[in-house]
Amino acid sequence: SPADTTIDVTHAASRVLAEVLPEVFYRFEDAAARVGSKDLEALLTQENLRGLTPVFSELRLLRDEGGRDVFDTERGPLKEVLTCIQNRWAYGDAASGRYLTDHFSKEPYGWDFDVVRLFVASLLRAGKIEGMGQGQTIESALSLHARNTFTNNNHFRQASFTLKEGLEFPELVDAGERYEYVFGHEMRELEASVVAEAIKKQVEQFEPELRKIHSVLVRHNLVGA
């Protein structure tokens, strides 16, 4: 309560709220950062996680895994948002952008709209979830459809998100090692859609020559076709 000597309502309310709000929104510090459009844009366009803005380190969203940056979805705010989506998914419902931003704006979080949107986009980039927006599935955060969805407030609110049945991290590490062994290039990021796209680009270079070889094998009934 205000002190007996208090005569200014604004001052009294400010002092009381300063004491009470940290107790009500005790998870606020987990997302206490100012997120701008450049942070979201970097996440949706930068092919290498090392090129992301400082806010990702400030929010402790990344961790080192064998010398590579990966999203830390096992703890912190990303784990919290992923669990929320998982709970909705377990009941057969998709979590919309509106549901997630409304849910995390309440106690004990008090998280800002832009921060929650960044968390959801990070989970998409990490391959933990997939989205549905404007009638299209969103599997990769680097796709044009993802940028159109996440950079438009209304489109994000209307989009829905569910868990993605994907590869486990050890399998991605194995794929990255085999990619480097076969093609001689290091995998820039161990995220399912990035790994798949990198393999696809490399394979496409060899496809015309392989087709020629295949035709010869088939034409002469040789083993190996």
C-alpha atoms as a PDB file:
ATOM      1  CA  SER A   1       0.000   0.000   0.000  1.00  0.00           C
ATOM      2  CA  PRO A   2       1.067   3.620  -0.474  1.00  0.00           C
ATOM      3  CA  ALA A   3       2.698   5.321   2.475  1.00  0.00           C
ATOM      4  CA  ASP A   4       0.526   7.476   4.756  1.00  0.00           C
ATOM      5  CA  THR A   5       2.397  10.584   3.636  1.00  0.00           C
ATOM      6  CA  THR A   6       1.746  10.001  -0.081  1.00  0.00           C
ATOM      7  CA  ILE A   7      -0.231  12.837  -1.681  1.00  0.00           C
ATOM      8  CA  ASP A   8       0.379  12.187  -5.417  1.00  0.00           C
ATOM      9  CA  VAL A   9      -1.653   9.398  -7.062  1.00  0.00           C
ATOM     10  CA  THR A  10       0.693   8.926 -10.023  1.00  0.00           C
ATOM     11  CA  HIS A  11       3.747   8.620  -7.806  1.00  0.00           C
ATOM     12  CA  ALA A  12       1.960   6.205  -5.472  1.00  0.00           C
ATOM     13  CA  ALA A  13       0.759   3.977  -8.346  1.00  0.00           C
ATOM     14  CA  SER A  14       4.199   3.936  -9.951  1.00  0.00           C
ATOM     15  CA  ARG A  15       5.888   2.913  -6.694  1.00  0.00           C
ATOM     16  CA  VAL A  16       3.395   0.119  -6.006  1.00  0.00           C
ATOM     17  CA  LEU A  17       3.537  -1.215  -9.562  1.00  0.00           C
ATOM     18  CA  ALA A  18       7.339  -1.155  -9.487  1.00  0.00           C
ATOM     19  CA  GLU A  19       7.197  -3.562  -6.561  1.00  0.00           C
ATOM     20  CA  VAL A  20       4.327  -5.750  -7.778  1.00  0.00           C
ATOM     21  CA  LEU A  21       4.975  -6.212 -11.514  1.00  0.00           C
ATOM     22  CA  PRO A  22       8.245  -8.183 -11.145  1.00  0.00           C
ATOM     23  CA  GLU A  23       6.359 -10.621  -8.911  1.00  0.00           C
ATOM     24  CA  VAL A  24       3.418 -10.979 -11.313  1.00  0.00           C
ATOM     25  CA  PHE A  25       5.510 -11.141 -14.511  1.00  0.00           C
ATOM     26  CA  TYR A  26       8.421 -13.106 -13.081  1.00  0.00           C
ATOM     27  CA  ARG A  27       9.275 -14.625 -16.512  1.00  0.00           C
ATOM     28  CA  PHE A  28       9.557 -11.214 -18.168  1.00  0.00           C
ATOM     29  CA  GLU A  29      13.368 -11.184 -17.954  1.00  0.00           C
ATOM     30  CA  ASP A  30      13.559 -14.244 -20.223  1.00  0.00           C
ATOM     31  CA  ALA A  31      12.482 -12.062 -23.146  1.00  0.00           C
ATOM     32  CA  ALA A  32      13.580  -8.623 -21.999  1.00  0.00           C
ATOM     33  CA  ALA A  33      15.034  -7.324 -25.256  1.00  0.00           C
ATOM     34  CA  ARG A  34      13.999  -4.835 -27.891  1.00  0.00           C
ATOM     35  CA  VAL A  35      13.437  -6.708 -31.149  1.00  0.00           C
ATOM     36  CA  GLY A  36      13.411  -4.708 -34.370  1.00  0.00           C
ATOM     37  CA  SER A  37      12.565  -5.484 -37.975  1.00  0.00           C
ATOM     38  CA  LYS A  38      16.263  -5.977 -38.802  1.00  0.00           C
ATOM     39  CA  ASP A  39      16.464  -8.846 -36.291  1.00  0.00           C
ATOM     40  CA  LEU A  40      13.549 -10.703 -37.871  1.00  0.00           C
ATOM     41  CA  GLU A  41      14.815  -9.929 -41.364  1.00  0.00           C
ATOM     42  CA  ALA A  42      18.240 -11.399 -40.543  1.00  0.00           C
ATOM     43  CA  LEU A  43      16.640 -14.604 -39.258  1.00  0.00           C
ATOM     44  CA  LEU A  44      14.556 -14.985 -42.420  1.00  0.00           C
ATOM     45  CA  THR A  45      17.338 -14.188 -44.906  1.00  0.00           C
ATOM     46  CA  GLN A  46      20.795 -14.947 -43.460  1.00  0.00           C
ATOM     47  CA  GLU A  47      21.938 -18.398 -44.549  1.00  0.00           C
ATOM     48  CA  ASN A  48      24.478 -18.642 -41.718  1.00  0.00           C
ATOM     49  CA  LEU A  49      23.440 -18.280 -38.080  1.00  0.00           C
ATOM     50  CA  ARG A  50      26.711 -16.486 -37.345  1.00  0.00           C
ATOM     51  CA  GLY A  51      25.341 -13.592 -39.374  1.00  0.00           C
ATOM     52  CA  LEU A  52      22.434 -12.952 -37.006  1.00  0.00           C
ATOM     53  CA  THR A  53      22.067  -9.747 -35.009  1.00  0.00           C
ATOM     54  CA  PRO A  54      23.270  -9.343 -31.369  1.00  0.00           C
ATOM     55  CA  VAL A  55      19.751  -9.723 -29.970  1.00  0.00           C
ATOM     56  CA  PHE A  56      19.967 -13.513 -30.454  1.00  0.00           C
ATOM     57  CA  SER A  57      22.948 -13.659 -28.112  1.00  0.00           C
ATOM     58  CA  GLU A  58      21.301 -11.219 -25.739  1.00  0.00           C
ATOM     59  CA  LEU A  59      18.279 -13.532 -25.460  1.00  0.00           C
ATOM     60  CA  ARG A  60      20.562 -16.613 -25.290  1.00  0.00           C
ATOM     61  CA  LEU A  61      18.784 -18.330 -28.174  1.00  0.00           C
ATOM     62  CA  LEU A  62      21.908 -19.973 -29.611  1.00  0.00           C
ATOM     63  CA  ARG A  63      24.422 -22.495 -28.354  1.00  0.00           C
ATOM     64  CA  ASP A  64      27.599 -23.983 -29.761  1.00  0.00           C
ATOM     65  CA  GLU A  65      27.379 -27.530 -31.061  1.00  0.00           C
ATOM     66  CA  GLY A  66      30.643 -28.913 -32.412  1.00  0.00           C
ATOM     67  CA  GLY A  67      31.826 -25.491 -33.519  1.00  0.00           C
ATOM     68  CA  ARG A  68      28.515 -24.569 -35.139  1.00  0.00           C
ATOM     69  CA  ASP A  69      25.798 -22.278 -33.842  1.00  0.00           C
ATOM     70  CA  VAL A  70      22.445 -23.996 -33.333  1.00  0.00           C
ATOM     71  CA  PHE A  71      19.220 -22.839 -31.705  1.00  0.00           C
ATOM     72  CA  ASP A  72      18.918 -23.856 -28.070  1.00  0.00           C
ATOM     73  CA  THR A  73      15.434 -25.341 -27.942  1.00  0.00           C
ATOM     74  CA  GLU A  74      16.089 -27.403 -24.814  1.00  0.00           C
ATOM     75  CA  ARG A  75      15.840 -24.495 -22.353  1.00  0.00           C
ATOM     76  CA  GLY A  76      14.840 -20.875 -21.991  1.00  0.00           C
ATOM     77  CA  PRO A  77      12.153 -19.056 -23.980  1.00  0.00           C
ATOM     78  CA  LEU A  78      12.374 -21.277 -27.070  1.00  0.00           C
ATOM     79  CA  LYS A  79      11.658 -24.318 -24.926  1.00  0.00           C
ATOM     80  CA  GLU A  80       8.709 -22.457 -23.351  1.00  0.00           C
ATOM     81  CA  VAL A  81       7.158 -21.548 -26.712  1.00  0.00           C
ATOM     82  CA  LEU A  82       7.811 -25.024 -28.130  1.00  0.00           C
ATOM     83  CA  THR A  83       6.096 -26.611 -25.119  1.00  0.00           C
ATOM     84  CA  CYS A  84       3.086 -24.349 -25.608  1.00  0.00           C
ATOM     85  CA  ILE A  85       2.807 -25.399 -29.268  1.00  0.00           C
ATOM     86  CA  GLN A  86       3.331 -29.024 -28.270  1.00  0.00           C
ATOM     87  CA  ASN A  87       0.515 -28.875 -25.719  1.00  0.00           C
ATOM     88  CA  ARG A  88      -1.897 -27.505 -28.316  1.00  0.00           C
ATOM     89  CA  TRP A  89      -0.717 -30.121 -30.815  1.00  0.00           C
ATOM     90  CA  ALA A  90      -1.336 -32.919 -28.270  1.00  0.00           C
ATOM     91  CA  TYR A  91      -4.999 -31.887 -28.134  1.00  0.00           C
ATOM     92  CA  GLY A  92      -5.253 -31.881 -31.921  1.00  0.00           C
ATOM     93  CA  ASP A  93      -5.109 -28.086 -32.267  1.00  0.00           C
ATOM     94  CA  ALA A  94      -2.638 -25.833 -34.027  1.00  0.00           C
ATOM     95  CA  ALA A  95      -1.336 -22.783 -32.184  1.00  0.00           C
ATOM     96  CA  SER A  96      -2.044 -19.644 -34.176  1.00  0.00           C
ATOM     97  CA  GLY A  97       0.234 -16.624 -34.073  1.00  0.00           C
ATOM     98  CA  ARG A  98      -2.542 -14.733 -32.314  1.00  0.00           C
ATOM     99  CA  TYR A  99      -2.914 -17.454 -29.682  1.00  0.00           C
ATOM    100  CA  LEU A 100       0.832 -17.500 -28.972  1.00  0.00           C
ATOM    101  CA  THR A 101       1.244 -13.729 -28.715  1.00  0.00           C
ATOM    102  CA  ASP A 102      -1.837 -13.439 -26.499  1.00  0.00           C
ATOM    103  CA  HIS A 103      -0.745 -16.341 -24.301  1.00  0.00           C
ATOM    104  CA  PHE A 104       2.749 -14.985 -23.679  1.00  0.00           C
ATOM    105  CA  SER A 105       1.565 -11.417 -23.143  1.00  0.00           C
ATOM    106  CA  LYS A 106      -0.179 -12.568 -19.950  1.00  0.00           C
ATOM    107  CA  GLU A 107       1.319 -13.373 -16.567  1.00  0.00           C
ATOM    108  CA  PRO A 108       3.825 -14.720 -15.739  1.00  0.00           C
ATOM    109  CA  TYR A 109       5.466 -13.673 -19.033  1.00  0.00           C
ATOM    110  CA  GLY A 110       4.471 -10.227 -20.257  1.00  0.00           C
ATOM    111  CA  TRP A 111       6.415 -10.807 -23.471  1.00  0.00           C
ATOM    112  CA  ASP A 112       6.230  -8.349 -26.346  1.00  0.00           C
ATOM    113  CA  PHE A 113       4.552  -9.267 -29.656  1.00  0.00           C
ATOM    114  CA  ASP A 114       7.766  -8.846 -31.677  1.00  0.00           C
ATOM    115  CA  VAL A 115       9.764 -11.008 -29.265  1.00  0.00           C
ATOM    116  CA  VAL A 116       7.245 -13.857 -29.395  1.00  0.00           C
ATOM    117  CA  ARG A 117       7.167 -13.679 -33.190  1.00  0.00           C
ATOM    118  CA  LEU A 118      10.980 -13.923 -33.229  1.00  0.00           C
ATOM    119  CA  PHE A 119      10.816 -17.005 -30.983  1.00  0.00           C
ATOM    120  CA  VAL A 120       8.310 -18.708 -33.291  1.00  0.00           C
ATOM    121  CA  ALA A 121      10.425 -17.901 -36.365  1.00  0.00           C
ATOM    122  CA  SER A 122      13.492 -19.280 -34.559  1.00  0.00           C
ATOM    123  CA  LEU A 123      11.696 -22.565 -33.873  1.00  0.00           C
ATOM    124  CA  LEU A 124      10.746 -22.747 -37.551  1.00  0.00           C
ATOM    125  CA  ARG A 125      14.357 -22.078 -38.521  1.00  0.00           C
ATOM    126  CA  ALA A 126      15.466 -24.789 -36.078  1.00  0.00           C
ATOM    127  CA  GLY A 127      13.177 -27.306 -37.794  1.00  0.00           C
ATOM    128  CA  LYS A 128      11.110 -27.914 -34.648  1.00  0.00           C
ATOM    129  CA  ILE A 129       7.806 -26.649 -36.039  1.00  0.00           C
ATOM    130  CA  GLU A 130       6.069 -26.010 -39.327  1.00  0.00           C
ATOM    131  CA  GLY A 131       3.447 -23.438 -40.174  1.00  0.00           C
ATOM    132  CA  MET A 132       0.381 -22.972 -42.296  1.00  0.00           C
ATOM    133  CA  GLY A 133      -0.329 -19.545 -43.682  1.00  0.00           C
ATOM    134  CA  GLN A 134      -2.599 -18.354 -46.479  1.00  0.00           C
ATOM    135  CA  GLY A 135      -3.321 -21.957 -47.412  1.00  0.00           C
ATOM    136  CA  GLN A 136       0.334 -22.928 -47.841  1.00  0.00           C
ATOM    137  CA  THR A 137       2.626 -25.009 -45.661  1.00  0.00           C
ATOM    138  CA  ILE A 138       5.669 -23.181 -44.303  1.00  0.00           C
ATOM    139  CA  GLU A 139       8.558 -25.591 -43.778  1.00  0.00           C
ATOM    140  CA  SER A 140      11.590 -23.328 -44.162  1.00  0.00           C
ATOM    141  CA  ALA A 141      12.193 -19.982 -42.469  1.00  0.00           C
ATOM    142  CA  LEU A 142      14.297 -18.955 -45.461  1.00  0.00           C
ATOM    143  CA  SER A 143      11.434 -19.317 -47.924  1.00  0.00           C
ATOM    144  CA  LEU A 144       9.647 -16.392 -49.532  1.00  0.00           C
ATOM    145  CA  HIS A 145       6.353 -17.565 -48.050  1.00  0.00           C
ATOM    146  CA  ALA A 146       7.853 -17.491 -44.549  1.00  0.00           C
ATOM    147  CA  ARG A 147       9.067 -13.916 -45.054  1.00  0.00           C
ATOM    148  CA  ASN A 148       5.651 -12.838 -46.314  1.00  0.00           C
ATOM    149  CA  THR A 149       3.995 -14.434 -43.278  1.00  0.00           C
ATOM    150  CA  PHE A 150       6.314 -13.273 -40.514  1.00  0.00           C
ATOM    151  CA  THR A 151       6.886  -9.729 -41.734  1.00  0.00           C
ATOM    152  CA  ASN A 152       3.146  -9.008 -41.907  1.00  0.00           C
ATOM    153  CA  ASN A 153       1.505  -8.709 -38.472  1.00  0.00           C
ATOM    154  CA  ASN A 154      -1.925  -9.865 -39.635  1.00  0.00           C
ATOM    155  CA  HIS A 155      -0.559 -12.773 -41.664  1.00  0.00           C
ATOM    156  CA  PHE A 156       1.448 -13.942 -38.653  1.00  0.00           C
ATOM    157  CA  ARG A 157      -1.547 -13.730 -36.324  1.00  0.00           C
ATOM    158  CA  GLN A 158      -3.638 -15.783 -38.753  1.00  0.00           C
ATOM    159  CA  ALA A 159      -0.943 -18.404 -39.399  1.00  0.00           C
ATOM    160  CA  SER A 160      -0.973 -21.640 -37.387  1.00  0.00           C
ATOM    161  CA  PHE A 161       1.940 -23.696 -36.099  1.00  0.00           C
ATOM    162  CA  THR A 162       2.342 -27.372 -35.187  1.00  0.00           C
ATOM    163  CA  LEU A 163       5.196 -29.681 -34.262  1.00  0.00           C
ATOM    164  CA  LYS A 164       7.274 -30.973 -37.124  1.00  0.00           C
ATOM    165  CA  GLU A 165       8.190 -34.628 -37.280  1.00  0.00           C
ATOM    166  CA  GLY A 166      11.798 -34.288 -38.277  1.00  0.00           C
ATOM    167  CA  LEU A 167      15.302 -35.670 -37.869  1.00  0.00           C
ATOM    168  CA  GLU A 168      17.075 -35.818 -34.544  1.00  0.00           C
ATOM    169  CA  PHE A 169      20.194 -33.680 -34.176  1.00  0.00           C
ATOM    170  CA  PRO A 170      22.667 -36.623 -34.299  1.00  0.00           C
ATOM    171  CA  GLU A 171      21.196 -37.564 -37.681  1.00  0.00           C
ATOM    172  CA  LEU A 172      21.763 -34.018 -38.949  1.00  0.00           C
ATOM    173  CA  VAL A 173      25.367 -34.139 -37.712  1.00  0.00           C
ATOM    174  CA  ASP A 174      25.848 -37.421 -39.580  1.00  0.00           C
ATOM    175  CA  ALA A 175      24.338 -35.923 -42.730  1.00  0.00           C
ATOM    176  CA  GLY A 176      26.666 -32.916 -42.438  1.00  0.00           C
ATOM    177  CA  GLU A 177      29.738 -35.131 -42.093  1.00  0.00           C
ATOM    178  CA  ARG A 178      28.750 -37.276 -45.073  1.00  0.00           C
ATOM    179  CA  TYR A 179      28.013 -34.154 -47.130  1.00  0.00           C
ATOM    180  CA  GLU A 180      31.501 -32.825 -46.421  1.00  0.00           C
ATOM    181  CA  TYR A 181      33.079 -36.201 -47.244  1.00  0.00           C
ATOM    182  CA  VAL A 182      31.255 -36.544 -50.583  1.00  0.00           C
ATOM    183  CA  PHE A 183      31.253 -32.955 -51.843  1.00  0.00           C
ATOM    184  CA  GLY A 184      34.241 -31.450 -50.021  1.00  0.00           C
ATOM    185  CA  HIS A 185      32.284 -28.562 -48.487  1.00  0.00           C
ATOM    186  CA  GLU A 186      31.408 -27.994 -44.865  1.00  0.00           C
ATOM    187  CA  MET A 187      27.690 -27.820 -44.078  1.00  0.00           C
ATOM    188  CA  ARG A 188      27.063 -24.183 -43.103  1.00  0.00           C
ATOM    189  CA  GLU A 189      24.160 -24.962 -40.780  1.00  0.00           C
ATOM    190  CA  LEU A 190      22.762 -28.143 -39.209  1.00  0.00           C
ATOM    191  CA  GLU A 191      19.081 -27.460 -39.766  1.00  0.00           C
ATOM    192  CA  ALA A 192      16.938 -29.940 -41.664  1.00  0.00           C
ATOM    193  CA  SER A 193      15.719 -27.675 -44.475  1.00  0.00           C
ATOM    194  CA  VAL A 194      19.206 -26.172 -44.937  1.00  0.00           C
ATOM    195  CA  VAL A 195      20.816 -29.612 -45.106  1.00  0.00           C
ATOM    196  CA  ALA A 196      18.209 -30.817 -47.600  1.00  0.00           C
ATOM    197  CA  GLU A 197      18.629 -27.757 -49.826  1.00  0.00           C
ATOM    198  CA  ALA A 198      22.435 -28.052 -49.807  1.00  0.00           C
ATOM    199  CA  ILE A 199      22.309 -31.726 -50.825  1.00  0.00           C
ATOM    200  CA  LYS A 200      19.754 -30.968 -53.520  1.00  0.00           C
ATOM    201  CA  LYS A 201      21.919 -28.219 -55.055  1.00  0.00           C
ATOM    202  CA  GLN A 202      24.985 -30.445 -55.157  1.00  0.00           C
ATOM    203  CA  VAL A 203      23.136 -33.442 -56.591  1.00  0.00           C
ATOM    204  CA  GLU A 204      21.557 -31.337 -59.342  1.00  0.00           C
ATOM    205  CA  GLN A 205      25.023 -30.522 -60.699  1.00  0.00           C
ATOM    206  CA  PHE A 206      25.747 -34.197 -61.337  1.00  0.00           C
ATOM    207  CA  GLU A 207      22.305 -35.253 -62.513  1.00  0.00           C
ATOM    208  CA  PRO A 208      22.787 -34.630 -66.294  1.00  0.00           C
ATOM    209  CA  GLU A 209      25.972 -36.721 -66.409  1.00  0.00           C
ATOM    210  CA  LEU A 210      24.385 -39.476 -64.316  1.00  0.00           C
ATOM    211  CA  ARG A 211      21.423 -39.589 -66.703  1.00  0.00           C
ATOM    212  CA  LYS A 212      23.798 -40.146 -69.616  1.00  0.00           C
ATOM    213  CA  ILE A 213      25.542 -42.967 -67.774  1.00  0.00           C
ATOM    214  CA  HIS A 214      22.214 -44.482 -66.784  1.00  0.00           C
ATOM    215  CA  SER A 215      21.021 -44.438 -70.386  1.00  0.00           C
ATOM    216  CA  VAL A 216      24.144 -46.299 -71.513  1.00  0.00           C
ATOM    217  CA  LEU A 217      23.701 -48.930 -68.803  1.00  0.00           C
ATOM    218  CA  VAL A 218      20.062 -49.450 -69.706  1.00  0.00           C
ATOM    219  CA  ARG A 219      20.692 -49.511 -73.463  1.00  0.00           C
ATOM    220  CA  HIS A 220      23.316 -52.250 -73.183  1.00  0.00           C
ATOM    221  CA  ASN A 221      21.595 -54.175 -70.377  1.00  0.00           C
ATOM    222  CA  LEU A 222      24.584 -53.584 -68.076  1.00  0.00           C
ATOM    223  CA  VAL A 223      24.614 -54.130 -64.322  1.00  0.00           C
ATOM    224  CA  GLY A 224      24.179 -51.041 -62.166  1.00  0.00           C
ATOM    225  CA  ALA A 225      21.279 -49.230 -63.784  1.00  0.00           C
END
